[in-house]
Amino acid sequence: MKIYPYDIQDGGYAEAVKKIGVSECGAAIMKDRFAISTFLVTDISTPAANVVKQQLLSLGGEAAVPAHAIDCSKPKSSFFFSLRRDLCGVLAKRLRLQYWKLPQVAEFIEKFNRLRAPWFSFSFEGIDTTRPNLMGIINVTPDSFSDGGSYASVDDVLKRVAWMAGNGVDIVDVGGESTRPGAAFVDAETEIGRTVPVIRAIAENFPKLTISIDTRKSEVASQAAKAGAKIINDVSGLRYDPKMPDLCCDLDLPVIIGHTPGDADDLHGKCEYRDVAMEVADFLNESKELLLSKGYDEKKIIVDPGFGFGKNTEHNLELLNHFEMLFACTSPVAVGVSRKRFIGAVTGRENISERVAGTLAVNMIALEKGAAVIRVHDVAEAADCLKIFNALKELKC
């Protein structure tokens, strides 16, 4: 006899059990029985926490509740619970019959397991949701931290985009204002003058590429959309320009909602968190709910945790470590870590151009954790990273 540890990945159970002679019927029955779902519920009634604990024990799951839940000495509790994925629906049905906020817990469990990461229900023509997408960065700025001043003319941009297209880029992200720490403010007119001619030229010369506009300003987004941009990428989470949410609804284009904790004048102004992953998820959910309240289609929302924006090295690593908490938004997650300062801090690479390997390592971890889009400067290297990732996923499934 020999015994081996064996991790069955999502979708990989069927091939695994077939190798040992399990029938097609048996494989279908075993679907999700080897997969465990874990959730954290915060600030709920303590009696409700005890109800969930008892329901989970009856289903073979488990919940970690605080000591004060035993005698209900405190009115509120937070708790973790885990359950076999195929039994989550049973738990949800039971919780819907309970009081307090347990029906809301049930609703989230059902939605999360019905949609599932990494793309959830996202849908837009031109975006392939069967695999992660590669977003290439084009900064038409004189002062961006990595490539500022590199693309001084439309011809320079088109040459770069042609190279990106040849190396597998899916989305080209055009930005006309640097968001690095200490960058000078750029007015809308200047930003439009930098980005719109470039977007128009890319749209005319590369009609199969999807173009996104990296801006916080509704006026810039509006003009960029007219020129051919198909995605609005707002690093401020729609909070810088009060007109941006309404514009997004009017344009009806996909939106990337980014997290920046600072104010309008300083996107990097805050580096204080009690729980960075939880607070980022809450911020993104609030911005998302604002759009939904205006009638925006949830299927066109992507969220971005804003690595490097108002976060120190420890915060960025903690956010990556608990990346799964971002799925509280039940929206696909875009990741932009390319050559950022925290990678230099961890690797000791002060030279920005030497942070490619560190960037690839972070991107691969993010992909394994469910990232749907990776935003990069180094397209060819990132494309190779994606090829390896996709090959492994195809092998597992």
Protein backbone atom coordinates (compact mmCIF):
# COMPACT_ATOMS: atom_id res chain seq x y z
CA MET A 1 0.00 0.00 0.00
CA LYS A 2 1.07 3.57 -0.76
CA ILE A 3 -0.59 6.81 0.35
CA TYR A 4 -0.25 10.20 -1.34
CA PRO A 5 -1.58 13.66 -0.56
CA TYR A 6 -3.77 14.70 -3.50
CA ASP A 7 -5.30 18.13 -4.09
CA ILE A 8 -8.31 17.94 -6.42
CA GLN A 9 -8.67 21.33 -8.10
CA ASP A 10 -11.96 22.82 -9.25
CA GLY A 11 -13.16 20.82 -12.24
CA GLY A 12 -10.40 18.25 -11.87
CA TYR A 13 -12.30 15.65 -9.89
CA ALA A 14 -13.80 13.96 -12.98
CA GLU A 15 -10.48 13.08 -14.60
CA ALA A 16 -9.00 12.13 -11.23
CA VAL A 17 -11.67 9.60 -10.33
CA LYS A 18 -11.85 8.19 -13.87
CA LYS A 19 -8.18 7.18 -13.53
CA ILE A 20 -9.11 4.81 -10.73
CA GLY A 21 -12.07 3.34 -12.61
CA VAL A 22 -15.00 5.40 -11.32
CA SER A 23 -17.87 5.48 -13.84
CA GLU A 24 -19.24 8.61 -15.54
CA CYS A 25 -22.32 8.32 -13.34
CA GLY A 26 -20.20 8.01 -10.22
CA ALA A 27 -18.08 10.99 -11.24
CA ALA A 28 -21.22 13.11 -11.64
CA ILE A 29 -22.45 12.05 -8.19
CA MET A 30 -19.10 13.01 -6.67
CA LYS A 31 -19.20 16.51 -8.17
CA ASP A 32 -18.07 19.07 -5.57
CA ARG A 33 -17.91 16.51 -2.76
CA PHE A 34 -14.15 17.01 -2.51
CA ALA A 35 -14.46 20.82 -2.60
CA ILE A 36 -14.87 22.84 0.60
CA SER A 37 -16.33 26.34 0.71
CA THR A 38 -15.28 28.61 3.57
CA PHE A 39 -16.91 31.92 4.48
CA LEU A 40 -16.45 34.65 7.07
CA VAL A 41 -19.58 36.31 8.46
CA THR A 42 -19.07 39.50 10.48
CA ASP A 43 -21.17 41.50 12.93
CA ILE A 44 -24.25 39.29 13.03
CA SER A 45 -26.54 38.45 15.93
CA THR A 46 -24.88 36.01 18.34
CA PRO A 47 -27.97 33.72 18.42
CA ALA A 48 -27.76 33.64 14.61
CA ALA A 49 -24.14 32.48 14.85
CA ASN A 50 -25.23 29.65 17.12
CA VAL A 51 -28.00 28.64 14.71
CA VAL A 52 -25.49 28.44 11.84
CA LYS A 53 -23.12 26.39 14.02
CA GLN A 54 -25.82 23.81 14.76
CA GLN A 55 -26.96 23.60 11.14
CA LEU A 56 -23.39 23.09 9.97
CA LEU A 57 -22.70 20.35 12.50
CA SER A 58 -25.80 18.50 11.28
CA LEU A 59 -24.43 18.66 7.70
CA GLY A 60 -20.91 17.56 8.58
CA GLY A 61 -19.48 21.08 8.39
CA GLU A 62 -17.94 23.27 11.05
CA ALA A 63 -18.09 26.82 12.36
CA ALA A 64 -15.59 28.67 14.50
CA VAL A 65 -17.58 30.98 16.79
CA PRO A 66 -16.21 33.21 19.58
CA ALA A 67 -16.30 32.13 23.22
CA HIS A 68 -18.99 34.68 24.09
CA ALA A 69 -21.41 32.87 21.75
CA ILE A 70 -21.79 30.11 24.37
CA ASP A 71 -23.64 32.31 26.86
CA CYS A 72 -24.63 35.10 24.43
CA SER A 73 -22.82 37.60 26.68
CA LYS A 74 -22.28 39.84 23.67
CA PRO A 75 -25.07 40.70 21.20
CA LYS A 76 -22.95 40.50 18.02
CA SER A 77 -20.48 37.92 16.71
CA SER A 78 -18.26 37.15 13.76
CA PHE A 79 -17.52 33.60 12.71
CA PHE A 80 -15.93 31.39 10.07
CA PHE A 81 -17.71 28.38 8.64
CA SER A 82 -16.80 25.64 6.19
CA LEU A 83 -18.93 23.11 4.37
CA ARG A 84 -18.70 20.72 1.44
CA ARG A 85 -19.62 22.72 -1.63
CA ASP A 86 -22.38 20.38 -2.76
CA LEU A 87 -24.12 20.85 0.61
CA CYS A 88 -24.04 24.65 0.57
CA GLY A 89 -27.41 24.72 -1.20
CA VAL A 90 -28.94 22.63 1.58
CA LEU A 91 -27.55 25.00 4.18
CA ALA A 92 -28.86 28.02 2.28
CA LYS A 93 -32.39 26.57 2.14
CA ARG A 94 -32.34 26.03 5.89
CA LEU A 95 -31.02 29.52 6.64
CA ARG A 96 -33.75 31.09 4.50
CA LEU A 97 -36.28 29.81 7.06
CA GLN A 98 -34.50 31.51 9.96
CA TYR A 99 -34.62 34.99 11.51
CA TRP A 100 -32.11 37.78 12.07
CA LYS A 101 -30.04 38.26 8.88
CA LEU A 102 -29.63 34.59 8.05
CA PRO A 103 -31.77 34.81 4.87
CA GLN A 104 -29.21 37.37 3.59
CA VAL A 105 -26.40 34.91 4.39
CA ALA A 106 -28.31 32.27 2.44
CA GLU A 107 -28.75 34.62 -0.51
CA PHE A 108 -25.02 35.33 -0.71
CA ILE A 109 -24.08 31.65 -0.45
CA GLU A 110 -26.46 30.75 -3.27
CA LYS A 111 -25.29 33.61 -5.48
CA PHE A 112 -21.61 32.91 -4.87
CA ASN A 113 -21.87 29.19 -5.61
CA ARG A 114 -24.17 29.74 -8.59
CA LEU A 115 -21.91 32.26 -10.32
CA ARG A 116 -18.42 31.22 -9.17
CA ALA A 117 -15.10 32.97 -9.80
CA PRO A 118 -13.16 34.13 -11.76
CA TRP A 119 -15.58 35.83 -14.20
CA PHE A 120 -18.87 35.24 -12.39
CA SER A 121 -21.61 36.49 -14.73
CA PHE A 122 -19.55 39.08 -16.63
CA SER A 123 -20.54 39.40 -20.29
CA PHE A 124 -19.39 41.77 -23.02
CA GLU A 125 -18.72 41.26 -26.72
CA GLY A 126 -15.00 41.08 -27.41
CA ILE A 127 -14.05 39.86 -23.93
CA ASP A 128 -13.26 36.13 -23.75
CA THR A 129 -14.36 34.95 -20.30
CA THR A 130 -13.20 31.36 -20.78
CA ARG A 131 -9.71 32.40 -19.67
CA PRO A 132 -7.93 35.31 -17.94
CA ASN A 133 -7.36 38.36 -20.13
CA LEU A 134 -4.14 40.31 -20.65
CA MET A 135 -4.32 44.11 -20.44
CA GLY A 136 -1.37 46.06 -21.85
CA ILE A 137 -0.52 49.51 -20.49
CA ILE A 138 -0.10 52.54 -22.76
CA ASN A 139 0.64 55.70 -20.76
CA VAL A 140 0.65 58.77 -22.98
CA THR A 141 2.08 60.86 -20.17
CA PRO A 142 5.44 62.51 -19.59
CA ASP A 143 5.67 61.43 -15.94
CA SER A 144 4.26 57.92 -15.37
CA PHE A 145 6.52 55.96 -13.03
CA SER A 146 7.53 53.25 -15.52
CA ASP A 147 6.93 54.32 -19.11
CA GLY A 148 6.34 58.08 -18.89
CA GLY A 149 7.45 59.84 -22.08
CA SER A 150 7.95 56.61 -23.99
CA TYR A 151 5.13 57.26 -26.46
CA ALA A 152 5.49 60.85 -27.63
CA SER A 153 3.50 60.45 -30.85
CA VAL A 154 0.60 58.48 -32.26
CA ASP A 155 3.03 56.57 -34.49
CA ASP A 156 5.04 55.51 -31.41
CA VAL A 157 1.86 54.26 -29.79
CA LEU A 158 0.74 52.32 -32.87
CA LYS A 159 4.12 50.59 -33.09
CA ARG A 160 3.84 49.58 -29.45
CA VAL A 161 0.25 48.38 -29.85
CA ALA A 162 1.22 46.36 -32.93
CA TRP A 163 3.91 44.66 -30.87
CA MET A 164 1.45 44.05 -28.02
CA ALA A 165 -1.12 42.58 -30.39
CA GLY A 166 1.50 40.25 -31.80
CA ASN A 167 2.29 39.06 -28.28
CA GLY A 168 -1.24 38.19 -27.24
CA VAL A 169 -2.68 41.29 -25.57
CA ASP A 170 -6.48 41.34 -25.22
CA ILE A 171 -7.09 44.83 -23.90
CA VAL A 172 -5.07 48.03 -24.37
CA ASP A 173 -5.39 50.43 -21.45
CA VAL A 174 -4.70 54.06 -22.42
CA GLY A 175 -4.00 56.62 -19.71
CA GLY A 176 -3.29 60.34 -19.93
CA GLU A 177 -2.71 61.16 -16.26
CA SER A 178 -0.05 59.62 -14.04
CA THR A 179 -1.36 58.18 -10.77
CA ARG A 180 2.06 57.61 -9.20
CA PRO A 181 2.64 59.16 -5.75
CA GLY A 182 3.32 62.88 -6.08
CA ALA A 183 2.21 63.14 -9.71
CA ALA A 184 0.95 66.51 -10.91
CA PHE A 185 -2.77 67.01 -11.51
CA VAL A 186 -3.87 66.96 -15.15
CA ASP A 187 -6.99 68.82 -16.25
CA ALA A 188 -9.60 67.13 -18.44
CA GLU A 189 -8.74 69.13 -21.54
CA THR A 190 -5.07 68.11 -21.40
CA GLU A 191 -5.99 64.49 -20.69
CA ILE A 192 -8.39 64.42 -23.64
CA GLY A 193 -5.73 65.89 -25.89
CA ARG A 194 -3.33 63.14 -24.89
CA THR A 195 -5.65 60.14 -25.04
CA VAL A 196 -8.40 60.69 -27.62
CA PRO A 197 -6.19 60.89 -30.75
CA VAL A 198 -4.37 57.76 -29.59
CA ILE A 199 -7.58 55.83 -28.88
CA ARG A 200 -9.04 56.83 -32.24
CA ALA A 201 -5.89 55.65 -34.07
CA ILE A 202 -5.80 52.32 -32.20
CA ALA A 203 -9.49 51.71 -32.90
CA GLU A 204 -9.00 52.40 -36.61
CA ASN A 205 -5.85 50.30 -37.00
CA PHE A 206 -6.64 47.44 -34.59
CA PRO A 207 -10.43 46.98 -34.70
CA LYS A 208 -10.27 43.56 -32.99
CA LEU A 209 -8.54 44.91 -29.87
CA THR A 210 -10.57 46.14 -26.92
CA ILE A 211 -9.52 49.58 -25.69
CA SER A 212 -9.98 50.86 -22.16
CA ILE A 213 -9.59 54.44 -20.96
CA ASP A 214 -7.76 54.86 -17.66
CA THR A 215 -9.33 58.00 -16.19
CA ARG A 216 -11.11 59.43 -13.15
CA LYS A 217 -12.92 62.12 -15.13
CA SER A 218 -16.32 61.71 -16.76
CA GLU A 219 -15.54 64.23 -19.49
CA VAL A 220 -12.45 62.28 -20.52
CA ALA A 221 -14.33 58.97 -20.42
CA SER A 222 -17.11 60.39 -22.59
CA GLN A 223 -14.74 61.64 -25.30
CA ALA A 224 -12.69 58.43 -25.16
CA ALA A 225 -15.83 56.33 -25.68
CA LYS A 226 -16.72 58.39 -28.74
CA ALA A 227 -13.21 57.73 -30.09
CA GLY A 228 -13.51 53.95 -29.63
CA ALA A 229 -12.83 53.04 -25.99
CA LYS A 230 -14.97 50.11 -24.81
CA ILE A 231 -14.05 49.96 -21.12
CA ILE A 232 -13.86 52.68 -18.45
CA ASN A 233 -11.08 52.06 -15.93
CA ASP A 234 -11.56 54.40 -12.97
CA VAL A 235 -8.91 53.94 -10.28
CA SER A 236 -10.88 56.14 -7.87
CA GLY A 237 -13.79 53.71 -7.64
CA LEU A 238 -16.16 56.25 -9.25
CA ARG A 239 -15.64 58.59 -6.27
CA TYR A 240 -13.49 61.34 -7.74
CA ASP A 241 -15.98 62.68 -10.27
CA PRO A 242 -19.63 62.65 -9.07
CA LYS A 243 -20.78 62.56 -12.70
CA MET A 244 -18.94 59.31 -13.46
CA PRO A 245 -21.61 56.84 -12.22
CA ASP A 246 -24.33 58.43 -14.35
CA LEU A 247 -22.03 58.54 -17.37
CA CYS A 248 -21.26 54.83 -16.97
CA CYS A 249 -24.98 54.10 -17.06
CA ASP A 250 -25.48 56.30 -20.12
CA LEU A 251 -22.57 54.75 -22.04
CA ASP A 252 -23.50 51.21 -20.96
CA LEU A 253 -19.87 50.09 -21.27
CA PRO A 254 -17.96 47.78 -18.89
CA VAL A 255 -16.44 49.54 -15.90
CA ILE A 256 -13.39 48.64 -13.85
CA ILE A 257 -13.92 49.97 -10.32
CA GLY A 258 -10.59 50.56 -8.62
CA HIS A 259 -9.77 51.02 -4.92
CA THR A 260 -7.98 54.17 -3.83
CA PRO A 261 -8.37 55.14 -0.17
CA GLY A 262 -6.99 58.67 -0.55
CA ASP A 263 -8.92 61.81 -1.41
CA ALA A 264 -9.23 63.65 -4.72
CA ASP A 265 -5.86 65.34 -4.35
CA ASP A 266 -3.87 62.36 -3.10
CA LEU A 267 -4.80 58.86 -4.26
CA HIS A 268 -2.14 57.41 -1.94
CA GLY A 269 -3.17 59.33 1.15
CA LYS A 270 -4.16 56.52 3.50
CA CYS A 271 -2.07 53.61 4.71
CA GLU A 272 -4.09 52.61 7.77
CA TYR A 273 -6.30 49.51 7.81
CA ARG A 274 -7.74 47.23 10.43
CA ASP A 275 -8.19 44.47 7.86
CA VAL A 276 -7.02 45.57 4.41
CA ALA A 277 -8.67 42.82 2.34
CA MET A 278 -12.02 43.23 4.08
CA GLU A 279 -11.96 47.03 3.84
CA VAL A 280 -11.01 46.97 0.16
CA ALA A 281 -13.84 44.51 -0.58
CA ASP A 282 -16.29 46.73 1.31
CA PHE A 283 -15.16 49.83 -0.61
CA LEU A 284 -15.56 48.07 -3.95
CA ASN A 285 -18.97 46.70 -3.00
CA GLU A 286 -20.18 50.17 -2.03
CA SER A 287 -19.10 51.60 -5.39
CA LYS A 288 -20.68 48.66 -7.17
CA GLU A 289 -23.97 49.12 -5.29
CA LEU A 290 -24.00 52.79 -6.29
CA LEU A 291 -23.93 51.76 -9.95
CA LEU A 292 -26.53 49.05 -9.48
CA SER A 293 -28.87 51.51 -7.73
CA LYS A 294 -28.84 53.57 -10.93
CA GLY A 295 -29.85 50.58 -13.04
CA TYR A 296 -26.40 49.61 -14.31
CA ASP A 297 -25.97 46.01 -15.53
CA GLU A 298 -24.02 43.96 -12.97
CA LYS A 299 -22.68 41.80 -15.81
CA LYS A 300 -20.46 44.68 -16.95
CA ILE A 301 -18.62 45.35 -13.67
CA ILE A 302 -15.01 44.40 -12.93
CA VAL A 303 -13.30 45.33 -9.65
CA ASP A 304 -9.64 46.18 -9.01
CA PRO A 305 -8.21 46.10 -5.46
CA GLY A 306 -5.74 48.86 -6.29
CA PHE A 307 -2.44 47.28 -5.36
CA GLY A 308 -0.03 50.06 -4.44
CA PHE A 309 -2.70 52.76 -3.99
CA GLY A 310 -2.58 53.94 -0.38
CA LYS A 311 -1.08 50.64 0.72
CA ASN A 312 2.37 49.83 2.07
CA THR A 313 4.30 46.65 1.35
CA GLU A 314 2.68 44.74 4.20
CA HIS A 315 -0.79 45.77 3.06
CA ASN A 316 -0.14 44.70 -0.52
CA LEU A 317 1.13 41.29 0.58
CA GLU A 318 -1.81 40.82 2.96
CA LEU A 319 -4.22 41.75 0.17
CA LEU A 320 -2.62 39.18 -2.12
CA ASN A 321 -2.62 36.57 0.63
CA HIS A 322 -6.37 37.00 1.19
CA PHE A 323 -7.28 37.72 -2.42
CA GLU A 324 -10.32 35.46 -2.09
CA MET A 325 -12.06 38.05 0.10
CA LEU A 326 -12.44 40.25 -2.97
CA PHE A 327 -14.95 37.74 -4.30
CA ALA A 328 -17.40 39.13 -1.75
CA CYS A 329 -18.14 41.50 -4.64
CA THR A 330 -19.10 38.55 -6.91
CA SER A 331 -17.47 40.40 -9.81
CA PRO A 332 -14.36 39.50 -11.81
CA VAL A 333 -11.14 40.92 -10.39
CA ALA A 334 -8.49 42.82 -12.36
CA VAL A 335 -4.96 43.03 -10.96
CA GLY A 336 -2.41 45.74 -11.68
CA VAL A 337 0.89 45.13 -9.90
CA SER A 338 3.27 45.69 -12.80
CA ARG A 339 6.70 46.89 -11.56
CA LYS A 340 5.19 48.49 -8.46
CA ARG A 341 7.10 49.71 -5.45
CA PHE A 342 6.14 46.87 -3.10
CA ILE A 343 7.66 44.36 -5.54
CA GLY A 344 10.88 46.36 -5.46
CA ALA A 345 10.73 46.45 -1.64
CA VAL A 346 10.38 42.66 -1.37
CA THR A 347 12.98 41.81 -4.04
CA GLY A 348 15.41 44.64 -3.33
CA ARG A 349 15.11 45.86 -6.94
CA GLU A 350 15.18 49.65 -6.87
CA ASN A 351 15.46 49.83 -10.66
CA ILE A 352 11.90 49.63 -11.99
CA SER A 353 12.95 47.77 -15.13
CA GLU A 354 14.36 44.95 -12.96
CA ARG A 355 11.00 44.13 -11.35
CA VAL A 356 9.67 41.97 -14.20
CA ALA A 357 10.34 38.61 -12.52
CA GLY A 358 8.73 39.79 -9.29
CA THR A 359 5.72 41.06 -11.25
CA LEU A 360 5.32 37.69 -12.97
CA ALA A 361 5.45 35.88 -9.62
CA VAL A 362 2.70 38.08 -8.14
CA ASN A 363 0.58 37.76 -11.27
CA MET A 364 0.82 33.97 -11.25
CA ILE A 365 -0.26 33.88 -7.60
CA ALA A 366 -3.18 36.21 -8.39
CA LEU A 367 -4.19 34.03 -11.34
CA GLU A 368 -4.15 30.92 -9.16
CA LYS A 369 -6.39 32.75 -6.70
CA GLY A 370 -8.88 33.65 -9.44
CA ALA A 371 -7.82 36.93 -11.10
CA ALA A 372 -9.66 37.53 -14.38
CA VAL A 373 -7.49 40.32 -15.83
CA ILE A 374 -3.82 41.14 -15.32
CA ARG A 375 -2.63 44.65 -16.26
CA VAL A 376 1.03 44.82 -17.27
CA HIS A 377 3.79 46.77 -18.96
CA ASP A 378 5.72 43.63 -20.01
CA VAL A 379 3.21 41.99 -22.32
CA ALA A 380 5.35 39.24 -23.87
CA GLU A 381 6.52 37.93 -20.49
CA ALA A 382 3.01 38.10 -19.04
CA ALA A 383 1.62 36.29 -22.09
CA ASP A 384 4.05 33.43 -21.45
CA CYS A 385 2.92 33.38 -17.82
CA LEU A 386 -0.70 33.09 -18.97
CA LYS A 387 0.15 30.29 -21.40
CA ILE A 388 1.65 28.23 -18.57
CA PHE A 389 -1.32 28.98 -16.32
CA ASN A 390 -3.86 28.04 -19.01
CA ALA A 391 -1.97 24.87 -19.91
CA LEU A 392 -2.08 23.70 -16.29
CA LYS A 393 -5.77 24.49 -15.98
CA GLU A 394 -6.57 22.59 -19.18
CA LEU A 395 -4.57 19.64 -17.87
CA LYS A 396 -6.44 19.66 -14.55
CA CYS A 397 -9.86 19.88 -16.18
